[in-house]
Amino acid sequence: MADIAALTALIEPEAQALGFALVRVKMTGGKSDPTLQVMAERPDTRQLNIDDCSALSHRISDRLDEMEAAGKDPIAEAYRLEVSSPGIDRPLTRLSDFADWIGHEARIRLTETIDGRKQLTGDLAGVEGDAISVDLGQHGIATVRFDQIDNAKLVMTDRLIAATAPLSMEGADELEDASDDHESSTPAEDNH
């Protein structure tokens, strides 16, 4: 199993060198289809276009290839590299994400049951220190520490769509043309 903290430490400087903020590094797919999933964003737009994904994919791939050549491959088995933008219903992985999206609905899965709940769904209401407040509507405000959160993401709502519009459509024509040509992989994917 790959060490996600070590991979994050390797990948984050590559993202920062391109002016991107790293959102998440995760291994998915299990043994049948191991995939190193990297999500990043431009701090000013909160998204990446196709060229951004491709540039970051190449940087990460080159860095991991260098490590493999030096006998220090951080992922022992063959895997696929997938680089993407977090999208509208993005994961909330950093404390700053919860502050940035106050007023928007989120679904938060907790590491353990708190006050009879393992999941909270409501509007992000505030962040103070490492405590996140969620407005649960008729159930009031719940406050949890960041380290009590197992997984969190924004919920797709009309309000969220309006807040993130207009999303850049740059590169959409190339993507559509590529799918018409029946290409098998996107520039942001790389097999190792």
C-alpha atoms as a PDB file:
ATOM      1  CA  MET A   1       0.000   0.000   0.000  1.00  0.00           C
ATOM      2  CA  ALA A   2       1.328   3.424  -0.947  1.00  0.00           C
ATOM      3  CA  ASP A   3       2.156   5.962   1.764  1.00  0.00           C
ATOM      4  CA  ILE A   4      -0.229   8.846   0.970  1.00  0.00           C
ATOM      5  CA  ALA A   5       1.591  11.311   3.247  1.00  0.00           C
ATOM      6  CA  ALA A   6       4.889  10.591   1.469  1.00  0.00           C
ATOM      7  CA  LEU A   7       3.225  10.859  -1.962  1.00  0.00           C
ATOM      8  CA  THR A   8       1.625  14.164  -0.948  1.00  0.00           C
ATOM      9  CA  ALA A   9       5.026  15.476   0.153  1.00  0.00           C
ATOM     10  CA  LEU A  10       6.427  14.541  -3.293  1.00  0.00           C
ATOM     11  CA  ILE A  11       3.508  15.860  -5.334  1.00  0.00           C
ATOM     12  CA  GLU A  12       2.722  19.127  -3.529  1.00  0.00           C
ATOM     13  CA  PRO A  13       5.936  20.935  -4.624  1.00  0.00           C
ATOM     14  CA  GLU A  14       5.261  19.883  -8.230  1.00  0.00           C
ATOM     15  CA  ALA A  15       1.763  21.407  -8.047  1.00  0.00           C
ATOM     16  CA  GLN A  16       3.065  24.558  -6.337  1.00  0.00           C
ATOM     17  CA  ALA A  17       5.774  24.989  -8.995  1.00  0.00           C
ATOM     18  CA  LEU A  18       2.956  25.388 -11.528  1.00  0.00           C
ATOM     19  CA  GLY A  19       1.037  27.795  -9.256  1.00  0.00           C
ATOM     20  CA  PHE A  20      -1.552  25.200  -8.221  1.00  0.00           C
ATOM     21  CA  ALA A  21      -2.877  24.274  -4.784  1.00  0.00           C
ATOM     22  CA  LEU A  22      -3.045  20.560  -4.045  1.00  0.00           C
ATOM     23  CA  VAL A  23      -6.544  19.483  -2.989  1.00  0.00           C
ATOM     24  CA  ARG A  24      -6.161  15.736  -2.504  1.00  0.00           C
ATOM     25  CA  VAL A  25      -3.884  12.754  -3.158  1.00  0.00           C
ATOM     26  CA  LYS A  26      -5.585   9.379  -2.938  1.00  0.00           C
ATOM     27  CA  MET A  27      -5.073   5.787  -4.079  1.00  0.00           C
ATOM     28  CA  THR A  28      -8.227   4.214  -5.504  1.00  0.00           C
ATOM     29  CA  GLY A  29      -9.147   1.067  -7.408  1.00  0.00           C
ATOM     30  CA  GLY A  30      -7.664  -1.481  -5.020  1.00  0.00           C
ATOM     31  CA  LYS A  31      -5.483  -4.277  -6.417  1.00  0.00           C
ATOM     32  CA  SER A  32      -7.498  -4.670  -9.622  1.00  0.00           C
ATOM     33  CA  ASP A  33      -7.050  -1.102 -10.916  1.00  0.00           C
ATOM     34  CA  PRO A  34      -4.672   0.879  -8.683  1.00  0.00           C
ATOM     35  CA  THR A  35      -4.994   4.569  -9.498  1.00  0.00           C
ATOM     36  CA  LEU A  36      -3.093   7.476  -7.996  1.00  0.00           C
ATOM     37  CA  GLN A  37      -5.685  10.248  -8.000  1.00  0.00           C
ATOM     38  CA  VAL A  38      -4.387  13.805  -7.696  1.00  0.00           C
ATOM     39  CA  MET A  39      -6.750  16.775  -7.417  1.00  0.00           C
ATOM     40  CA  ALA A  40      -5.449  20.322  -7.660  1.00  0.00           C
ATOM     41  CA  GLU A  41      -6.765  23.783  -8.432  1.00  0.00           C
ATOM     42  CA  ARG A  42      -5.682  27.262  -9.406  1.00  0.00           C
ATOM     43  CA  PRO A  43      -6.220  29.374  -6.276  1.00  0.00           C
ATOM     44  CA  ASP A  44      -7.859  32.160  -8.289  1.00  0.00           C
ATOM     45  CA  THR A  45     -10.343  30.031 -10.272  1.00  0.00           C
ATOM     46  CA  ARG A  46     -10.649  26.894  -8.075  1.00  0.00           C
ATOM     47  CA  GLN A  47     -10.353  24.744 -11.187  1.00  0.00           C
ATOM     48  CA  LEU A  48      -7.841  23.372 -13.669  1.00  0.00           C
ATOM     49  CA  ASN A  49      -8.256  23.282 -17.429  1.00  0.00           C
ATOM     50  CA  ILE A  50      -7.105  20.409 -19.647  1.00  0.00           C
ATOM     51  CA  ASP A  51      -3.683  21.987 -20.259  1.00  0.00           C
ATOM     52  CA  ASP A  52      -3.190  22.483 -16.504  1.00  0.00           C
ATOM     53  CA  CYS A  53      -4.045  18.831 -15.826  1.00  0.00           C
ATOM     54  CA  SER A  54      -1.668  17.701 -18.545  1.00  0.00           C
ATOM     55  CA  ALA A  55       1.191  19.898 -17.279  1.00  0.00           C
ATOM     56  CA  LEU A  56       0.761  18.652 -13.704  1.00  0.00           C
ATOM     57  CA  SER A  57       0.454  15.045 -14.858  1.00  0.00           C
ATOM     58  CA  HIS A  58       3.751  15.315 -16.740  1.00  0.00           C
ATOM     59  CA  ARG A  59       5.537  16.906 -13.762  1.00  0.00           C
ATOM     60  CA  ILE A  60       4.292  14.249 -11.368  1.00  0.00           C
ATOM     61  CA  SER A  61       5.064  11.433 -13.795  1.00  0.00           C
ATOM     62  CA  ASP A  62       8.599  12.735 -14.382  1.00  0.00           C
ATOM     63  CA  ARG A  63       9.202  13.039 -10.623  1.00  0.00           C
ATOM     64  CA  LEU A  64       7.914   9.531  -9.914  1.00  0.00           C
ATOM     65  CA  ASP A  65       9.958   8.126 -12.822  1.00  0.00           C
ATOM     66  CA  GLU A  66      13.106   9.758 -11.346  1.00  0.00           C
ATOM     67  CA  MET A  67      12.402   8.099  -8.004  1.00  0.00           C
ATOM     68  CA  GLU A  68      11.825   4.728  -9.658  1.00  0.00           C
ATOM     69  CA  ALA A  69      15.121   5.031 -11.586  1.00  0.00           C
ATOM     70  CA  ALA A  70      16.886   5.772  -8.294  1.00  0.00           C
ATOM     71  CA  GLY A  71      15.389   2.608  -6.755  1.00  0.00           C
ATOM     72  CA  LYS A  72      13.045   4.595  -4.500  1.00  0.00           C
ATOM     73  CA  ASP A  73       9.689   4.001  -6.225  1.00  0.00           C
ATOM     74  CA  PRO A  74       6.990   5.183  -3.776  1.00  0.00           C
ATOM     75  CA  ILE A  75       4.401   2.886  -5.411  1.00  0.00           C
ATOM     76  CA  ALA A  76       5.653  -0.674  -5.817  1.00  0.00           C
ATOM     77  CA  GLU A  77       2.937  -2.025  -8.116  1.00  0.00           C
ATOM     78  CA  ALA A  78       1.862  -0.803 -11.562  1.00  0.00           C
ATOM     79  CA  TYR A  79      -0.712   1.985 -11.321  1.00  0.00           C
ATOM     80  CA  ARG A  80      -2.484   4.642 -13.314  1.00  0.00           C
ATOM     81  CA  LEU A  81      -1.980   8.368 -12.646  1.00  0.00           C
ATOM     82  CA  GLU A  82      -5.113  10.505 -12.824  1.00  0.00           C
ATOM     83  CA  VAL A  83      -4.908  14.300 -12.443  1.00  0.00           C
ATOM     84  CA  SER A  84      -8.085  16.363 -12.222  1.00  0.00           C
ATOM     85  CA  SER A  85      -9.775  19.493 -10.987  1.00  0.00           C
ATOM     86  CA  PRO A  86     -11.947  18.962  -7.889  1.00  0.00           C
ATOM     87  CA  GLY A  87     -15.175  19.897  -9.723  1.00  0.00           C
ATOM     88  CA  ILE A  88     -18.213  21.717  -8.396  1.00  0.00           C
ATOM     89  CA  ASP A  89     -19.231  19.160  -5.751  1.00  0.00           C
ATOM     90  CA  ARG A  90     -15.644  19.100  -4.587  1.00  0.00           C
ATOM     91  CA  PRO A  91     -14.181  17.221  -1.653  1.00  0.00           C
ATOM     92  CA  LEU A  92     -13.425  19.354   1.387  1.00  0.00           C
ATOM     93  CA  THR A  93      -9.989  18.187   2.474  1.00  0.00           C
ATOM     94  CA  ARG A  94      -8.397  21.232   4.105  1.00  0.00           C
ATOM     95  CA  LEU A  95      -9.654  23.330   6.984  1.00  0.00           C
ATOM     96  CA  SER A  96      -9.556  26.338   4.646  1.00  0.00           C
ATOM     97  CA  ASP A  97     -12.036  24.579   2.311  1.00  0.00           C
ATOM     98  CA  PHE A  98     -14.668  24.632   5.047  1.00  0.00           C
ATOM     99  CA  ALA A  99     -14.099  28.366   5.601  1.00  0.00           C
ATOM    100  CA  ASP A 100     -14.101  29.132   1.865  1.00  0.00           C
ATOM    101  CA  TRP A 101     -17.462  27.450   1.311  1.00  0.00           C
ATOM    102  CA  ILE A 102     -19.426  28.812   4.294  1.00  0.00           C
ATOM    103  CA  GLY A 103     -23.102  29.076   3.369  1.00  0.00           C
ATOM    104  CA  HIS A 104     -23.011  26.049   1.067  1.00  0.00           C
ATOM    105  CA  GLU A 105     -24.416  22.616   1.780  1.00  0.00           C
ATOM    106  CA  ALA A 106     -21.958  19.857   2.631  1.00  0.00           C
ATOM    107  CA  ARG A 107     -22.168  16.166   3.482  1.00  0.00           C
ATOM    108  CA  ILE A 108     -19.709  15.235   6.222  1.00  0.00           C
ATOM    109  CA  ARG A 109     -18.947  11.680   7.315  1.00  0.00           C
ATOM    110  CA  LEU A 110     -17.460  11.489  10.801  1.00  0.00           C
ATOM    111  CA  THR A 111     -14.747   9.136  12.055  1.00  0.00           C
ATOM    112  CA  GLU A 112     -17.010   8.096  14.919  1.00  0.00           C
ATOM    113  CA  THR A 113     -20.596   8.628  15.992  1.00  0.00           C
ATOM    114  CA  ILE A 114     -21.117  11.978  17.717  1.00  0.00           C
ATOM    115  CA  ASP A 115     -24.445  12.772  19.404  1.00  0.00           C
ATOM    116  CA  GLY A 116     -25.979   9.760  17.655  1.00  0.00           C
ATOM    117  CA  ARG A 117     -24.818  10.872  14.191  1.00  0.00           C
ATOM    118  CA  LYS A 118     -22.156   9.428  11.915  1.00  0.00           C
ATOM    119  CA  GLN A 119     -23.001  11.859   9.082  1.00  0.00           C
ATOM    120  CA  LEU A 120     -23.924  15.533   8.996  1.00  0.00           C
ATOM    121  CA  THR A 121     -25.642  17.216   6.067  1.00  0.00           C
ATOM    122  CA  GLY A 122     -26.234  20.946   6.223  1.00  0.00           C
ATOM    123  CA  ASP A 123     -24.923  24.378   5.406  1.00  0.00           C
ATOM    124  CA  LEU A 124     -21.380  25.172   6.500  1.00  0.00           C
ATOM    125  CA  ALA A 125     -21.877  27.834   9.168  1.00  0.00           C
ATOM    126  CA  GLY A 126     -18.391  28.729  10.362  1.00  0.00           C
ATOM    127  CA  VAL A 127     -14.863  27.773  11.245  1.00  0.00           C
ATOM    128  CA  GLU A 128     -13.157  28.747  14.468  1.00  0.00           C
ATOM    129  CA  GLY A 129      -9.716  27.308  15.097  1.00  0.00           C
ATOM    130  CA  ASP A 130     -10.073  23.640  14.148  1.00  0.00           C
ATOM    131  CA  ALA A 131     -13.831  23.557  14.853  1.00  0.00           C
ATOM    132  CA  ILE A 132     -16.330  23.486  12.004  1.00  0.00           C
ATOM    133  CA  SER A 133     -19.956  24.453  12.530  1.00  0.00           C
ATOM    134  CA  VAL A 134     -22.720  23.008  10.363  1.00  0.00           C
ATOM    135  CA  ASP A 135     -26.295  24.332  10.300  1.00  0.00           C
ATOM    136  CA  LEU A 136     -28.499  21.237  10.352  1.00  0.00           C
ATOM    137  CA  GLY A 137     -31.708  23.247   9.893  1.00  0.00           C
ATOM    138  CA  GLN A 138     -34.362  22.182  12.403  1.00  0.00           C
ATOM    139  CA  HIS A 139     -31.734  20.117  14.276  1.00  0.00           C
ATOM    140  CA  GLY A 140     -29.665  23.217  15.093  1.00  0.00           C
ATOM    141  CA  ILE A 141     -25.962  23.837  14.763  1.00  0.00           C
ATOM    142  CA  ALA A 142     -23.484  20.979  15.134  1.00  0.00           C
ATOM    143  CA  THR A 143     -19.807  21.661  15.763  1.00  0.00           C
ATOM    144  CA  VAL A 144     -17.093  19.098  15.086  1.00  0.00           C
ATOM    145  CA  ARG A 145     -13.311  19.233  15.109  1.00  0.00           C
ATOM    146  CA  PHE A 146     -11.510  18.870  11.797  1.00  0.00           C
ATOM    147  CA  ASP A 147      -9.807  15.669  13.016  1.00  0.00           C
ATOM    148  CA  GLN A 148     -13.244  14.097  13.621  1.00  0.00           C
ATOM    149  CA  ILE A 149     -14.052  14.267   9.892  1.00  0.00           C
ATOM    150  CA  ASP A 150     -13.437  11.154   7.817  1.00  0.00           C
ATOM    151  CA  ASN A 151     -14.732  12.530   4.511  1.00  0.00           C
ATOM    152  CA  ALA A 152     -16.542  15.681   3.389  1.00  0.00           C
ATOM    153  CA  LYS A 153     -17.772  17.152   0.141  1.00  0.00           C
ATOM    154  CA  LEU A 154     -20.009  19.897  -1.135  1.00  0.00           C
ATOM    155  CA  VAL A 155     -23.517  18.932  -2.210  1.00  0.00           C
ATOM    156  CA  MET A 156     -24.572  19.931  -5.718  1.00  0.00           C
ATOM    157  CA  THR A 157     -27.234  22.607  -5.312  1.00  0.00           C
ATOM    158  CA  ASP A 158     -28.507  25.467  -7.474  1.00  0.00           C
ATOM    159  CA  ARG A 159     -26.832  27.859  -5.023  1.00  0.00           C
ATOM    160  CA  LEU A 160     -23.470  26.120  -5.482  1.00  0.00           C
ATOM    161  CA  ILE A 161     -23.814  26.085  -9.272  1.00  0.00           C
ATOM    162  CA  ALA A 162     -24.598  29.814  -9.248  1.00  0.00           C
ATOM    163  CA  ALA A 163     -21.602  30.520  -6.987  1.00  0.00           C
ATOM    164  CA  THR A 164     -19.181  28.654  -9.221  1.00  0.00           C
ATOM    165  CA  ALA A 165     -20.485  29.940 -12.570  1.00  0.00           C
ATOM    166  CA  PRO A 166     -19.258  30.741 -15.018  1.00  0.00           C
ATOM    167  CA  LEU A 167     -16.896  27.804 -15.115  1.00  0.00           C
ATOM    168  CA  SER A 168     -14.324  28.051 -17.844  1.00  0.00           C
ATOM    169  CA  MET A 169     -15.196  26.129 -20.977  1.00  0.00           C
ATOM    170  CA  GLU A 170     -11.641  26.523 -22.279  1.00  0.00           C
ATOM    171  CA  GLY A 171     -10.535  23.271 -23.855  1.00  0.00           C
ATOM    172  CA  ALA A 172     -14.039  21.813 -24.065  1.00  0.00           C
ATOM    173  CA  ASP A 173     -13.957  21.805 -27.887  1.00  0.00           C
ATOM    174  CA  GLU A 174     -10.686  19.867 -27.895  1.00  0.00           C
ATOM    175  CA  LEU A 175     -12.113  17.388 -25.406  1.00  0.00           C
ATOM    176  CA  GLU A 176     -15.234  16.909 -27.535  1.00  0.00           C
ATOM    177  CA  ASP A 177     -13.122  16.507 -30.695  1.00  0.00           C
ATOM    178  CA  ALA A 178     -10.916  13.959 -28.944  1.00  0.00           C
ATOM    179  CA  SER A 179     -13.911  11.861 -27.892  1.00  0.00           C
ATOM    180  CA  ASP A 180     -15.174  11.960 -31.467  1.00  0.00           C
ATOM    181  CA  ASP A 181     -11.816  10.526 -32.575  1.00  0.00           C
ATOM    182  CA  HIS A 182     -12.264   7.660 -30.057  1.00  0.00           C
ATOM    183  CA  GLU A 183      -9.022   8.340 -28.229  1.00  0.00           C
ATOM    184  CA  SER A 184      -8.590   5.961 -25.350  1.00  0.00           C
ATOM    185  CA  SER A 185      -7.098   8.238 -22.706  1.00  0.00           C
ATOM    186  CA  THR A 186      -7.084  11.869 -21.752  1.00  0.00           C
ATOM    187  CA  PRO A 187      -3.889  13.913 -21.598  1.00  0.00           C
ATOM    188  CA  ALA A 188      -4.250  13.934 -17.831  1.00  0.00           C
ATOM    189  CA  GLU A 189      -3.949  10.162 -17.488  1.00  0.00           C
ATOM    190  CA  ASP A 190      -0.693   8.289 -17.508  1.00  0.00           C
ATOM    191  CA  ASN A 191      -0.112   4.575 -16.946  1.00  0.00           C
ATOM    192  CA  HIS A 192       2.863   3.421 -14.903  1.00  0.00           C
END
